[in-house]
Amino acid sequence: MKQQISLHNRVVDYSVRRSDRAKRMRLAVYCDGNFVITVPKAFPADSIDRYLVEKSKWVVSKLDFFEKLNKRQKLSLGDDGLVVYKDKALKMVAERIEDLNGEHYKFKFNQIAIKNQKTRWGSCSKKRNLNFNYKILFLSPRMRDYIIVHELCHLKEFNHSNKFWRLVAKAIPNYVDIVKELKLKGLMID
C-alpha cells in the first residue's frame, strides 16, 4: 500500500511490505524512485514513521542520487522499439547462455524469456525458466555475463547461499565488483 511522509520539506511516497520472514526493519530505495520499507508482520505503524524520520537524510540522499542518475541516462522507446530490443536481447542472451553454461555448468533449463521488468535484471523460476530484462542489452558485456551467470546458478542453488556465490565465482571471479557497478547503474533505461 502506497503511503506518504514529509521528509526535509519533500513529500516522499513509499510502500510498506509486511513479511513473516522479516526480523527487523529494512529500507530500500530503488533506482526507479520506488521506496519500500519491509517490516515484521506485527510491527506498529507509528514506529515505522519514527524510523523514517530518523533515517530521513539517508532516504532523501538516495532518492536525489537516483533522480539525478535517471535524468542523465533516460532512453525513450516506443512499442516498436521495445519489440526490436526484446528480439535483440533474446538473441544475445541465448548465445551467452549457450557459451557460459556450456563452458562452466551444463545446467538444464526450460525456456528463456525477455521481459520489460521494472525492478529486476533477471529471474529464475521454480519451473527452471530463465527471464531477463530487455535492458540487459544496454549493459557492458561483463555486466550482461554476470546477470546471465547469476540466473544460471539459481538452477542449481535457488538461494543466495555461500554455495550459490561459489558457483557464480566459477565463471565470474570478480562478481563483487560487477554487483557494485550494477547497483549504481540501476534500471534507468526507460
N, C-alpha and C. Protein backbone atom coordinates (compact mmCIF):
# COMPACT_ATOMS: atom_id res chain seq x y z
N MET A 1 0.84 -1.18 0.00
CA MET A 1 0.00 0.00 0.00
C MET A 1 0.89 1.25 0.00
N LYS A 2 0.64 2.15 -0.94
CA LYS A 2 1.41 3.39 -1.04
C LYS A 2 1.03 4.34 0.09
N GLN A 3 2.04 4.95 0.68
CA GLN A 3 1.83 5.94 1.73
C GLN A 3 2.73 7.12 1.45
N GLN A 4 2.52 8.21 2.19
CA GLN A 4 3.35 9.40 2.02
C GLN A 4 3.82 9.89 3.38
N ILE A 5 5.00 10.53 3.34
CA ILE A 5 5.55 11.16 4.53
C ILE A 5 6.35 12.38 4.07
N SER A 6 6.39 13.40 4.90
CA SER A 6 7.18 14.59 4.58
C SER A 6 8.55 14.46 5.25
N LEU A 7 9.59 14.49 4.39
CA LEU A 7 10.97 14.39 4.88
C LEU A 7 11.76 15.56 4.29
N HIS A 8 12.29 16.39 5.13
CA HIS A 8 13.09 17.54 4.70
C HIS A 8 12.35 18.39 3.65
N ASN A 9 11.13 18.79 3.98
CA ASN A 9 10.30 19.62 3.10
C ASN A 9 10.02 18.97 1.75
N ARG A 10 9.96 17.67 1.73
CA ARG A 10 9.72 16.93 0.50
C ARG A 10 8.74 15.81 0.79
N VAL A 11 7.70 15.70 -0.01
CA VAL A 11 6.74 14.61 0.17
C VAL A 11 7.30 13.38 -0.52
N VAL A 12 7.42 12.31 0.24
CA VAL A 12 8.01 11.07 -0.26
C VAL A 12 6.96 9.96 -0.24
N ASP A 13 6.75 9.33 -1.40
CA ASP A 13 5.86 8.17 -1.49
C ASP A 13 6.66 6.93 -1.12
N TYR A 14 6.04 6.05 -0.37
CA TYR A 14 6.71 4.80 -0.03
C TYR A 14 5.69 3.69 0.16
N SER A 15 6.16 2.47 0.13
CA SER A 15 5.31 1.31 0.35
C SER A 15 5.81 0.57 1.57
N VAL A 16 4.88 0.02 2.34
CA VAL A 16 5.23 -0.82 3.48
C VAL A 16 4.92 -2.25 3.09
N ARG A 17 5.90 -3.10 3.25
CA ARG A 17 5.72 -4.53 3.00
C ARG A 17 5.87 -5.26 4.32
N ARG A 18 4.83 -5.92 4.75
CA ARG A 18 4.89 -6.70 5.98
C ARG A 18 5.23 -8.14 5.62
N SER A 19 6.20 -8.69 6.36
CA SER A 19 6.71 -10.01 6.00
C SER A 19 6.83 -10.91 7.23
N ASP A 20 6.43 -12.16 7.08
CA ASP A 20 6.61 -13.15 8.14
C ASP A 20 8.09 -13.44 8.37
N ARG A 21 8.89 -13.29 7.30
CA ARG A 21 10.31 -13.63 7.39
C ARG A 21 11.17 -12.49 7.93
N ALA A 22 10.64 -11.26 7.91
CA ALA A 22 11.44 -10.11 8.36
C ALA A 22 11.66 -10.17 9.87
N LYS A 23 12.90 -9.96 10.27
CA LYS A 23 13.24 -9.95 11.70
C LYS A 23 13.38 -8.51 12.22
N ARG A 24 13.62 -7.59 11.28
CA ARG A 24 13.80 -6.18 11.65
C ARG A 24 13.35 -5.33 10.46
N MET A 25 13.36 -4.01 10.65
CA MET A 25 13.00 -3.10 9.58
C MET A 25 14.11 -3.01 8.55
N ARG A 26 13.72 -2.88 7.29
CA ARG A 26 14.70 -2.75 6.22
C ARG A 26 14.20 -1.72 5.22
N LEU A 27 15.05 -0.75 4.91
CA LEU A 27 14.72 0.29 3.93
C LEU A 27 15.39 -0.05 2.61
N ALA A 28 14.67 0.19 1.52
CA ALA A 28 15.25 0.02 0.19
C ALA A 28 14.76 1.14 -0.70
N VAL A 29 15.70 1.85 -1.30
CA VAL A 29 15.37 2.87 -2.28
C VAL A 29 15.88 2.34 -3.62
N TYR A 30 14.96 2.18 -4.57
CA TYR A 30 15.33 1.61 -5.86
C TYR A 30 15.60 2.70 -6.89
N CYS A 31 16.32 2.31 -7.92
CA CYS A 31 16.76 3.27 -8.93
C CYS A 31 15.61 3.92 -9.68
N ASP A 32 14.43 3.30 -9.68
CA ASP A 32 13.29 3.90 -10.37
C ASP A 32 12.51 4.86 -9.47
N GLY A 33 13.04 5.12 -8.26
CA GLY A 33 12.39 6.05 -7.34
C GLY A 33 11.46 5.37 -6.35
N ASN A 34 11.23 4.07 -6.51
CA ASN A 34 10.39 3.36 -5.54
C ASN A 34 11.15 3.24 -4.22
N PHE A 35 10.42 3.42 -3.16
CA PHE A 35 10.99 3.38 -1.81
C PHE A 35 10.12 2.42 -1.01
N VAL A 36 10.73 1.36 -0.50
CA VAL A 36 10.00 0.30 0.20
C VAL A 36 10.60 0.08 1.57
N ILE A 37 9.74 -0.05 2.55
CA ILE A 37 10.20 -0.43 3.89
C ILE A 37 9.56 -1.78 4.21
N THR A 38 10.40 -2.75 4.54
CA THR A 38 9.93 -4.09 4.90
C THR A 38 10.02 -4.22 6.41
N VAL A 39 8.93 -4.68 7.02
CA VAL A 39 8.86 -4.80 8.47
C VAL A 39 8.27 -6.15 8.86
N PRO A 40 8.55 -6.59 10.10
CA PRO A 40 7.89 -7.81 10.59
C PRO A 40 6.37 -7.64 10.58
N LYS A 41 5.66 -8.72 10.46
CA LYS A 41 4.19 -8.73 10.30
C LYS A 41 3.46 -7.82 11.29
N ALA A 42 3.78 -7.92 12.58
CA ALA A 42 3.02 -7.20 13.61
C ALA A 42 3.67 -5.89 14.05
N PHE A 43 4.49 -5.31 13.22
CA PHE A 43 5.22 -4.10 13.58
C PHE A 43 4.27 -2.90 13.64
N PRO A 44 4.32 -2.09 14.72
CA PRO A 44 3.38 -0.95 14.84
C PRO A 44 3.67 0.16 13.82
N ALA A 45 2.61 0.71 13.25
CA ALA A 45 2.72 1.74 12.20
C ALA A 45 3.42 3.00 12.70
N ASP A 46 3.17 3.42 13.94
CA ASP A 46 3.80 4.65 14.43
C ASP A 46 5.32 4.50 14.55
N SER A 47 5.79 3.29 14.79
CA SER A 47 7.24 3.04 14.85
C SER A 47 7.88 3.18 13.47
N ILE A 48 7.12 2.84 12.44
CA ILE A 48 7.62 2.97 11.07
C ILE A 48 7.88 4.44 10.76
N ASP A 49 6.91 5.30 11.08
CA ASP A 49 7.07 6.74 10.81
C ASP A 49 8.25 7.32 11.58
N ARG A 50 8.39 6.94 12.84
CA ARG A 50 9.53 7.44 13.63
C ARG A 50 10.86 7.01 13.01
N TYR A 51 10.91 5.77 12.58
CA TYR A 51 12.13 5.25 11.97
C TYR A 51 12.45 6.01 10.68
N LEU A 52 11.43 6.28 9.88
CA LEU A 52 11.64 7.01 8.63
C LEU A 52 12.17 8.41 8.89
N VAL A 53 11.66 9.06 9.93
CA VAL A 53 12.15 10.39 10.27
C VAL A 53 13.62 10.30 10.70
N GLU A 54 13.96 9.29 11.49
CA GLU A 54 15.36 9.09 11.91
C GLU A 54 16.28 8.89 10.71
N LYS A 55 15.81 8.19 9.71
CA LYS A 55 16.63 7.84 8.54
C LYS A 55 16.38 8.79 7.37
N SER A 56 15.73 9.91 7.62
CA SER A 56 15.28 10.79 6.54
C SER A 56 16.43 11.31 5.67
N LYS A 57 17.55 11.66 6.27
CA LYS A 57 18.68 12.16 5.47
C LYS A 57 19.15 11.11 4.47
N TRP A 58 19.27 9.89 4.94
CA TRP A 58 19.71 8.79 4.09
C TRP A 58 18.71 8.57 2.95
N VAL A 59 17.42 8.52 3.28
CA VAL A 59 16.38 8.29 2.28
C VAL A 59 16.41 9.37 1.21
N VAL A 60 16.40 10.62 1.63
CA VAL A 60 16.38 11.74 0.69
C VAL A 60 17.64 11.75 -0.17
N SER A 61 18.80 11.44 0.43
CA SER A 61 20.04 11.43 -0.36
C SER A 61 19.98 10.34 -1.43
N LYS A 62 19.43 9.17 -1.10
CA LYS A 62 19.32 8.09 -2.09
C LYS A 62 18.33 8.47 -3.20
N LEU A 63 17.20 9.04 -2.83
CA LEU A 63 16.22 9.46 -3.83
C LEU A 63 16.82 10.51 -4.77
N ASP A 64 17.54 11.47 -4.21
CA ASP A 64 18.20 12.51 -5.03
C ASP A 64 19.23 11.89 -5.96
N PHE A 65 20.03 10.97 -5.43
CA PHE A 65 21.06 10.31 -6.23
C PHE A 65 20.45 9.63 -7.46
N PHE A 66 19.41 8.81 -7.24
CA PHE A 66 18.81 8.09 -8.35
C PHE A 66 18.07 9.02 -9.30
N GLU A 67 17.50 10.08 -8.78
CA GLU A 67 16.81 11.06 -9.62
C GLU A 67 17.81 11.70 -10.60
N LYS A 68 18.96 12.11 -10.09
CA LYS A 68 19.99 12.72 -10.95
C LYS A 68 20.52 11.71 -11.96
N LEU A 69 20.76 10.49 -11.51
CA LEU A 69 21.27 9.45 -12.40
C LEU A 69 20.26 9.14 -13.50
N ASN A 70 18.98 9.07 -13.14
CA ASN A 70 17.93 8.78 -14.12
C ASN A 70 17.85 9.86 -15.19
N LYS A 71 18.00 11.12 -14.80
CA LYS A 71 17.93 12.22 -15.76
C LYS A 71 19.04 12.11 -16.79
N ARG A 72 20.21 11.64 -16.38
CA ARG A 72 21.35 11.51 -17.28
C ARG A 72 21.20 10.35 -18.25
N GLN A 73 20.49 9.29 -17.85
CA GLN A 73 20.55 8.07 -18.63
C GLN A 73 19.20 7.60 -19.16
N LYS A 74 18.25 8.48 -19.36
CA LYS A 74 16.95 8.09 -19.89
C LYS A 74 17.05 7.77 -21.38
N LEU A 75 16.29 6.78 -21.80
CA LEU A 75 16.19 6.42 -23.20
C LEU A 75 14.72 6.18 -23.46
N SER A 76 14.16 6.81 -24.44
CA SER A 76 12.73 6.69 -24.71
C SER A 76 12.50 5.68 -25.83
N LEU A 77 11.57 4.76 -25.60
CA LEU A 77 11.26 3.73 -26.58
C LEU A 77 9.76 3.72 -26.86
N GLY A 78 9.40 3.57 -28.11
CA GLY A 78 8.00 3.32 -28.46
C GLY A 78 7.78 1.82 -28.43
N ASP A 79 6.55 1.37 -28.72
CA ASP A 79 6.25 -0.06 -28.73
C ASP A 79 7.09 -0.81 -29.75
N ASP A 80 7.29 -0.19 -30.94
CA ASP A 80 8.09 -0.85 -31.98
C ASP A 80 9.53 -1.04 -31.52
N GLY A 81 10.09 -0.02 -30.88
CA GLY A 81 11.45 -0.09 -30.38
C GLY A 81 11.60 -1.19 -29.35
N LEU A 82 10.60 -1.35 -28.49
CA LEU A 82 10.64 -2.37 -27.45
C LEU A 82 10.70 -3.76 -28.06
N VAL A 83 9.90 -4.01 -29.09
CA VAL A 83 9.90 -5.32 -29.76
C VAL A 83 11.27 -5.61 -30.37
N VAL A 84 11.84 -4.61 -31.04
CA VAL A 84 13.16 -4.79 -31.66
C VAL A 84 14.20 -5.10 -30.59
N TYR A 85 14.19 -4.34 -29.49
CA TYR A 85 15.17 -4.56 -28.43
C TYR A 85 14.98 -5.91 -27.75
N LYS A 86 13.73 -6.33 -27.56
CA LYS A 86 13.49 -7.64 -26.96
C LYS A 86 14.04 -8.76 -27.85
N ASP A 87 13.85 -8.63 -29.15
CA ASP A 87 14.36 -9.64 -30.09
C ASP A 87 15.89 -9.69 -30.04
N LYS A 88 16.51 -8.52 -30.06
CA LYS A 88 17.98 -8.46 -30.00
C LYS A 88 18.49 -9.03 -28.67
N ALA A 89 17.79 -8.68 -27.59
CA ALA A 89 18.20 -9.17 -26.26
C ALA A 89 18.09 -10.70 -26.20
N LEU A 90 17.01 -11.24 -26.73
CA LEU A 90 16.83 -12.70 -26.71
C LEU A 90 17.96 -13.40 -27.47
N LYS A 91 18.31 -12.89 -28.62
CA LYS A 91 19.39 -13.48 -29.41
C LYS A 91 20.71 -13.44 -28.63
N MET A 92 21.03 -12.28 -28.07
CA MET A 92 22.28 -12.10 -27.33
C MET A 92 22.31 -13.00 -26.09
N VAL A 93 21.22 -12.99 -25.31
CA VAL A 93 21.16 -13.79 -24.08
C VAL A 93 21.28 -15.27 -24.40
N ALA A 94 20.56 -15.73 -25.41
CA ALA A 94 20.61 -17.16 -25.76
C ALA A 94 22.03 -17.59 -26.14
N GLU A 95 22.73 -16.74 -26.91
CA GLU A 95 24.11 -17.05 -27.30
C GLU A 95 25.04 -17.10 -26.08
N ARG A 96 24.89 -16.13 -25.19
CA ARG A 96 25.76 -16.09 -24.00
C ARG A 96 25.44 -17.24 -23.04
N ILE A 97 24.17 -17.61 -22.92
CA ILE A 97 23.81 -18.76 -22.07
C ILE A 97 24.47 -20.02 -22.63
N GLU A 98 24.37 -20.18 -23.93
CA GLU A 98 24.98 -21.36 -24.56
C GLU A 98 26.48 -21.41 -24.25
N ASP A 99 27.17 -20.27 -24.41
CA ASP A 99 28.61 -20.22 -24.15
C ASP A 99 28.94 -20.45 -22.67
N LEU A 100 28.32 -19.65 -21.80
CA LEU A 100 28.65 -19.69 -20.36
C LEU A 100 28.21 -21.00 -19.71
N ASN A 101 27.01 -21.44 -20.03
CA ASN A 101 26.51 -22.69 -19.45
C ASN A 101 27.31 -23.87 -19.96
N GLY A 102 27.62 -23.85 -21.25
CA GLY A 102 28.40 -24.94 -21.84
C GLY A 102 29.80 -25.03 -21.28
N GLU A 103 30.42 -23.89 -21.05
CA GLU A 103 31.80 -23.87 -20.57
C GLU A 103 31.92 -24.17 -19.08
N HIS A 104 30.96 -23.69 -18.27
CA HIS A 104 31.13 -23.76 -16.82
C HIS A 104 30.15 -24.70 -16.07
N TYR A 105 28.94 -24.88 -16.59
CA TYR A 105 27.93 -25.56 -15.75
C TYR A 105 27.23 -26.76 -16.39
N LYS A 106 26.72 -26.60 -17.58
CA LYS A 106 25.92 -27.63 -18.24
C LYS A 106 24.60 -27.91 -17.50
N PHE A 107 23.96 -26.84 -16.99
CA PHE A 107 22.67 -26.95 -16.30
C PHE A 107 21.55 -27.08 -17.34
N LYS A 108 20.51 -27.79 -16.96
CA LYS A 108 19.32 -27.93 -17.81
C LYS A 108 18.32 -26.85 -17.41
N PHE A 109 17.67 -26.25 -18.41
CA PHE A 109 16.62 -25.27 -18.15
C PHE A 109 15.54 -25.43 -19.20
N ASN A 110 14.37 -24.82 -18.96
CA ASN A 110 13.26 -24.96 -19.90
C ASN A 110 13.29 -23.92 -21.00
N GLN A 111 13.03 -22.67 -20.65
CA GLN A 111 13.00 -21.65 -21.69
C GLN A 111 13.60 -20.34 -21.22
N ILE A 112 13.90 -19.50 -22.21
CA ILE A 112 14.44 -18.17 -21.95
C ILE A 112 13.37 -17.17 -22.39
N ALA A 113 13.10 -16.17 -21.55
CA ALA A 113 12.13 -15.13 -21.91
C ALA A 113 12.76 -13.76 -21.66
N ILE A 114 12.40 -12.81 -22.50
CA ILE A 114 12.84 -11.43 -22.34
C ILE A 114 11.60 -10.61 -21.97
N LYS A 115 11.72 -9.85 -20.89
CA LYS A 115 10.58 -9.09 -20.37
C LYS A 115 10.96 -7.64 -20.14
N ASN A 116 9.96 -6.84 -19.87
CA ASN A 116 10.18 -5.44 -19.50
C ASN A 116 9.94 -5.33 -18.00
N GLN A 117 10.88 -5.82 -17.21
CA GLN A 117 10.75 -5.83 -15.77
C GLN A 117 11.12 -4.47 -15.20
N LYS A 118 10.44 -4.06 -14.15
CA LYS A 118 10.68 -2.73 -13.57
C LYS A 118 11.79 -2.73 -12.52
N THR A 119 11.98 -3.83 -11.81
CA THR A 119 12.93 -3.81 -10.69
C THR A 119 13.98 -4.92 -10.74
N ARG A 120 14.02 -5.70 -11.82
CA ARG A 120 14.96 -6.82 -11.87
C ARG A 120 15.67 -6.88 -13.21
N TRP A 121 16.91 -7.35 -13.16
CA TRP A 121 17.65 -7.62 -14.38
C TRP A 121 17.34 -9.02 -14.89
N GLY A 122 17.00 -9.91 -13.97
CA GLY A 122 16.70 -11.27 -14.38
C GLY A 122 16.05 -12.04 -13.25
N SER A 123 15.54 -13.23 -13.59
CA SER A 123 14.98 -14.11 -12.57
C SER A 123 15.00 -15.54 -13.10
N CYS A 124 14.89 -16.47 -12.17
CA CYS A 124 14.85 -17.89 -12.50
C CYS A 124 13.65 -18.46 -11.75
N SER A 125 12.75 -19.09 -12.48
CA SER A 125 11.53 -19.61 -11.84
C SER A 125 11.74 -21.04 -11.34
N LYS A 126 10.85 -21.46 -10.48
CA LYS A 126 10.89 -22.84 -9.96
C LYS A 126 10.72 -23.85 -11.10
N LYS A 127 10.09 -23.41 -12.21
CA LYS A 127 9.91 -24.28 -13.37
C LYS A 127 11.15 -24.31 -14.26
N ARG A 128 12.24 -23.67 -13.78
CA ARG A 128 13.52 -23.66 -14.48
C ARG A 128 13.49 -22.81 -15.76
N ASN A 129 12.67 -21.76 -15.72
CA ASN A 129 12.64 -20.79 -16.82
C ASN A 129 13.54 -19.63 -16.45
N LEU A 130 14.32 -19.15 -17.40
CA LEU A 130 15.22 -18.02 -17.19
C LEU A 130 14.61 -16.78 -17.85
N ASN A 131 14.42 -15.74 -17.06
CA ASN A 131 13.82 -14.49 -17.53
C ASN A 131 14.83 -13.37 -17.40
N PHE A 132 14.87 -12.51 -18.42
CA PHE A 132 15.81 -11.40 -18.40
C PHE A 132 15.11 -10.13 -18.85
N ASN A 133 15.57 -9.02 -18.30
CA ASN A 133 15.08 -7.71 -18.68
C ASN A 133 15.70 -7.34 -20.03
N TYR A 134 14.90 -6.80 -20.95
CA TYR A 134 15.45 -6.42 -22.26
C TYR A 134 16.57 -5.38 -22.13
N LYS A 135 16.59 -4.64 -21.01
CA LYS A 135 17.59 -3.59 -20.81
C LYS A 135 19.00 -4.16 -20.62
N ILE A 136 19.09 -5.46 -20.45
CA ILE A 136 20.40 -6.11 -20.35
C ILE A 136 21.23 -5.81 -21.60
N LEU A 137 20.54 -5.57 -22.69
CA LEU A 137 21.18 -5.26 -23.97
C LEU A 137 22.05 -4.01 -23.89
N PHE A 138 21.72 -3.07 -23.01
CA PHE A 138 22.42 -1.79 -22.92
C PHE A 138 23.57 -1.80 -21.91
N LEU A 139 23.83 -2.95 -21.32
CA LEU A 139 24.91 -3.06 -20.34
C LEU A 139 26.21 -3.49 -21.00
N SER A 140 27.30 -3.33 -20.26
CA SER A 140 28.59 -3.80 -20.75
C SER A 140 28.56 -5.33 -20.81
N PRO A 141 29.39 -5.93 -21.65
CA PRO A 141 29.42 -7.40 -21.74
C PRO A 141 29.68 -8.08 -20.39
N ARG A 142 30.56 -7.50 -19.56
CA ARG A 142 30.84 -8.15 -18.26
C ARG A 142 29.62 -8.11 -17.34
N MET A 143 28.83 -7.04 -17.39
CA MET A 143 27.61 -6.97 -16.58
C MET A 143 26.57 -7.96 -17.10
N ARG A 144 26.43 -8.03 -18.42
CA ARG A 144 25.50 -9.00 -19.02
C ARG A 144 25.84 -10.41 -18.58
N ASP A 145 27.13 -10.75 -18.71
CA ASP A 145 27.56 -12.11 -18.35
C ASP A 145 27.28 -12.40 -16.88
N TYR A 146 27.52 -11.42 -16.02
CA TYR A 146 27.25 -11.64 -14.60
C TYR A 146 25.77 -11.95 -14.38
N ILE A 147 24.88 -11.17 -14.96
CA ILE A 147 23.44 -11.37 -14.77
C ILE A 147 23.03 -12.75 -15.28
N ILE A 148 23.55 -13.12 -16.43
CA ILE A 148 23.22 -14.43 -17.01
C ILE A 148 23.74 -15.56 -16.11
N VAL A 149 24.97 -15.44 -15.65
CA VAL A 149 25.55 -16.46 -14.77
C VAL A 149 24.77 -16.53 -13.45
N HIS A 150 24.41 -15.37 -12.91
CA HIS A 150 23.64 -15.32 -11.66
C HIS A 150 22.36 -16.15 -11.79
N GLU A 151 21.63 -15.94 -12.87
CA GLU A 151 20.38 -16.68 -13.05
C GLU A 151 20.63 -18.15 -13.36
N LEU A 152 21.67 -18.44 -14.12
CA LEU A 152 22.02 -19.85 -14.37
C LEU A 152 22.29 -20.59 -13.05
N CYS A 153 23.00 -19.94 -12.15
CA CYS A 153 23.36 -20.58 -10.87
C CYS A 153 22.14 -20.85 -10.00
N HIS A 154 21.06 -20.09 -10.21
CA HIS A 154 19.83 -20.37 -9.47
C HIS A 154 19.19 -21.68 -9.93
N LEU A 155 19.59 -22.19 -11.06
CA LEU A 155 19.09 -23.50 -11.49
C LEU A 155 19.60 -24.60 -10.56
N LYS A 156 20.76 -24.39 -9.97
CA LYS A 156 21.37 -25.36 -9.04
C LYS A 156 21.09 -24.99 -7.59
N GLU A 157 21.23 -23.72 -7.26
CA GLU A 157 21.01 -23.22 -5.89
C GLU A 157 19.97 -22.11 -5.95
N PHE A 158 18.75 -22.42 -5.51
CA PHE A 158 17.66 -21.44 -5.60
C PHE A 158 17.67 -20.54 -4.36
N ASN A 159 18.81 -19.91 -4.11
CA ASN A 159 19.01 -19.06 -2.93
C ASN A 159 20.28 -18.24 -3.16
N HIS A 160 20.70 -17.52 -2.15
CA HIS A 160 21.96 -16.77 -2.24
C HIS A 160 22.92 -17.23 -1.14
N SER A 161 23.05 -18.51 -1.00
CA SER A 161 23.94 -19.11 -0.01
C SER A 161 25.40 -19.01 -0.47
N ASN A 162 26.30 -19.42 0.40
CA ASN A 162 27.72 -19.46 0.02
C ASN A 162 27.96 -20.39 -1.18
N LYS A 163 27.22 -21.50 -1.22
CA LYS A 163 27.34 -22.43 -2.35
C LYS A 163 26.98 -21.72 -3.66
N PHE A 164 25.91 -20.93 -3.59
CA PHE A 164 25.48 -20.18 -4.77
C PHE A 164 26.59 -19.25 -5.25
N TRP A 165 27.16 -18.46 -4.34
CA TRP A 165 28.18 -17.48 -4.73
C TRP A 165 29.46 -18.17 -5.23
N ARG A 166 29.75 -19.36 -4.70
CA ARG A 166 30.90 -20.11 -5.22
C ARG A 166 30.66 -20.54 -6.67
N LEU A 167 29.41 -20.92 -6.96
CA LEU A 167 29.06 -21.27 -8.34
C LEU A 167 29.23 -20.06 -9.27
N VAL A 168 28.76 -18.90 -8.83
CA VAL A 168 28.89 -17.68 -9.62
C VAL A 168 30.37 -17.39 -9.87
N ALA A 169 31.18 -17.49 -8.81
CA ALA A 169 32.62 -17.18 -8.90
C ALA A 169 33.36 -18.11 -9.86
N LYS A 170 32.81 -19.29 -10.08
CA LYS A 170 33.44 -20.24 -11.01
C LYS A 170 33.55 -19.62 -12.42
N ALA A 171 32.53 -18.86 -12.82
CA ALA A 171 32.54 -18.23 -14.15
C ALA A 171 32.90 -16.75 -14.09
N ILE A 172 32.56 -16.09 -12.98
CA ILE A 172 32.78 -14.64 -12.85
C ILE A 172 33.51 -14.39 -11.52
N PRO A 173 34.82 -14.57 -11.47
CA PRO A 173 35.56 -14.43 -10.21
C PRO A 173 35.45 -13.03 -9.59
N ASN A 174 35.29 -12.00 -10.41
CA ASN A 174 35.22 -10.63 -9.91
C ASN A 174 33.77 -10.14 -9.78
N TYR A 175 32.84 -11.05 -9.50
CA TYR A 175 31.41 -10.70 -9.47
C TYR A 175 31.09 -9.59 -8.46
N VAL A 176 31.84 -9.49 -7.36
CA VAL A 176 31.55 -8.48 -6.33
C VAL A 176 31.66 -7.07 -6.92
N ASP A 177 32.69 -6.83 -7.71
CA ASP A 177 32.87 -5.52 -8.36
C ASP A 177 31.73 -5.22 -9.32
N ILE A 178 31.29 -6.23 -10.04
CA ILE A 178 30.22 -6.04 -11.03
C ILE A 178 28.90 -5.75 -10.32
N VAL A 179 28.64 -6.43 -9.21
CA VAL A 179 27.42 -6.17 -8.44
C VAL A 179 27.37 -4.70 -8.00
N LYS A 180 28.51 -4.18 -7.54
CA LYS A 180 28.56 -2.77 -7.13
C LYS A 180 28.24 -1.85 -8.30
N GLU A 181 28.81 -2.15 -9.45
CA GLU A 181 28.55 -1.34 -10.66
C GLU A 181 27.07 -1.37 -11.03
N LEU A 182 26.48 -2.55 -10.98
CA LEU A 182 25.07 -2.69 -11.33
C LEU A 182 24.17 -1.91 -10.39
N LYS A 183 24.51 -1.90 -9.11
CA LYS A 183 23.70 -1.15 -8.15
C LYS A 183 23.72 0.34 -8.47
N LEU A 184 24.86 0.83 -8.92
CA LEU A 184 24.95 2.24 -9.31
C LEU A 184 24.19 2.51 -10.60
N LYS A 185 24.29 1.59 -11.52
CA LYS A 185 23.64 1.77 -12.83
C LYS A 185 22.13 1.73 -12.69
N GLY A 186 21.63 0.75 -11.95
CA GLY A 186 20.18 0.62 -11.79
C GLY A 186 19.49 0.27 -13.10
N LEU A 187 18.17 0.32 -13.07
CA LEU A 187 17.36 0.01 -14.26
C LEU A 187 16.84 1.31 -14.86
N MET A 188 17.74 2.19 -15.24
CA MET A 188 17.36 3.55 -15.58
C MET A 188 17.01 3.78 -17.04
N ILE A 189 17.02 2.77 -17.86
CA ILE A 189 16.72 2.97 -19.27
C ILE A 189 15.23 2.71 -19.47
N ASP A 190 14.47 3.76 -19.76
CA ASP A 190 13.01 3.61 -19.95
C ASP A 190 12.65 3.68 -21.42
